[in-house]
Amino acid sequence: MQLQQFVTEVVEQLGGIVIPVEYGLCQVLIPEAYAPYFQHKTELQLSFDYEVAQENPDSEFVTFGSYILEQLLELIHQQTVSTM
């Protein structure tokens, strides 16, 4: 679940809120300023497990290459001040 931890930390750094619902499933509140990155949505339901995603078809499955993860990586890239 390292990907879920990564996404949680990024969302919280952006000022959002992540509410775990059950194993591999979270409710996410995105600040209004970042809504355009997520198809103008401020509330998302994210799943981090394939079986959980199948059981919750209204959730978005987050994995490498998924739209949500790519948008978060784009935000990180834009917000980076310096690198080591």
Protein backbone atom coordinates (compact mmCIF):
# COMPACT_ATOMS: atom_id res chain seq x y z
CA MET A 1 0.00 0.00 0.00
CA GLN A 2 2.91 2.38 -0.56
CA LEU A 3 1.06 3.95 -3.49
CA GLN A 4 -1.91 4.75 -1.26
CA GLN A 5 0.43 6.37 1.28
CA PHE A 6 2.10 8.40 -1.47
CA VAL A 7 -1.23 9.64 -2.86
CA THR A 8 -2.47 10.45 0.65
CA GLU A 9 0.64 12.50 1.44
CA VAL A 10 0.45 14.41 -1.86
CA VAL A 11 -3.25 15.21 -1.45
CA GLU A 12 -2.70 16.39 2.12
CA GLN A 13 0.25 18.57 1.04
CA LEU A 14 -2.06 20.18 -1.52
CA GLY A 15 -4.50 20.99 1.29
CA GLY A 16 -6.91 18.14 0.60
CA ILE A 17 -8.39 15.56 2.93
CA VAL A 18 -8.19 11.77 2.62
CA ILE A 19 -10.71 9.67 4.54
CA PRO A 20 -10.05 5.90 4.55
CA VAL A 21 -13.32 4.01 4.10
CA GLU A 22 -12.04 0.43 4.10
CA TYR A 23 -8.99 -1.49 2.94
CA GLY A 24 -7.85 0.05 -0.34
CA LEU A 25 -10.72 2.54 -0.59
CA CYS A 26 -10.65 6.25 0.30
CA GLN A 27 -12.82 9.33 -0.01
CA VAL A 28 -10.75 12.31 -1.14
CA LEU A 29 -11.62 15.99 -0.95
CA ILE A 30 -9.58 18.12 -3.35
CA PRO A 31 -9.20 21.90 -2.88
CA GLU A 32 -11.24 23.91 -5.40
CA ALA A 33 -8.06 25.41 -6.89
CA TYR A 34 -6.95 21.95 -8.13
CA ALA A 35 -10.35 20.78 -9.42
CA PRO A 36 -9.44 21.46 -13.09
CA TYR A 37 -6.75 18.76 -12.82
CA PHE A 38 -9.38 16.20 -11.81
CA GLN A 39 -12.09 16.93 -14.41
CA HIS A 40 -13.48 19.71 -12.20
CA LYS A 41 -14.26 17.30 -9.37
CA THR A 42 -13.52 18.15 -5.75
CA GLU A 43 -14.74 14.85 -4.32
CA LEU A 44 -13.20 11.58 -5.47
CA GLN A 45 -13.48 7.98 -4.38
CA LEU A 46 -10.19 6.23 -4.99
CA SER A 47 -9.41 2.53 -4.84
CA PHE A 48 -5.92 1.13 -4.57
CA ASP A 49 -6.71 -2.58 -4.91
CA TYR A 50 -8.05 -4.19 -8.08
CA GLU A 51 -10.65 -6.30 -6.28
CA VAL A 52 -11.83 -3.29 -4.25
CA ALA A 53 -12.15 -1.34 -7.50
CA GLN A 54 -14.28 -4.12 -8.98
CA GLU A 55 -16.56 -4.09 -5.91
CA ASN A 56 -16.85 -0.27 -6.08
CA PRO A 57 -17.36 0.61 -9.75
CA ASP A 58 -17.92 4.30 -8.91
CA SER A 59 -14.37 4.53 -7.55
CA GLU A 60 -11.32 5.35 -9.64
CA PHE A 61 -8.61 2.69 -9.55
CA VAL A 62 -5.24 4.29 -8.84
CA THR A 63 -2.24 2.46 -10.21
CA PHE A 64 0.87 3.36 -12.16
CA GLY A 65 -0.21 5.11 -15.35
CA SER A 66 -3.72 5.92 -14.13
CA TYR A 67 -5.21 9.34 -14.80
CA ILE A 68 -5.38 10.38 -11.12
CA LEU A 69 -1.76 9.43 -10.45
CA GLU A 70 -0.58 11.22 -13.58
CA GLN A 71 -2.43 14.38 -12.53
CA LEU A 72 -0.90 14.24 -9.04
CA LEU A 73 2.56 13.79 -10.53
CA GLU A 74 1.94 16.78 -12.81
CA LEU A 75 0.95 18.89 -9.79
CA ILE A 76 4.08 17.78 -7.93
CA HIS A 77 6.19 18.70 -10.94
CA GLN A 78 4.61 22.17 -11.18
CA GLN A 79 4.85 22.86 -7.43
CA THR A 80 8.48 21.77 -7.03
CA VAL A 81 10.63 24.56 -5.70
CA SER A 82 14.00 22.78 -5.71
CA THR A 83 15.41 19.30 -6.08
CA MET A 84 18.37 17.49 -4.64
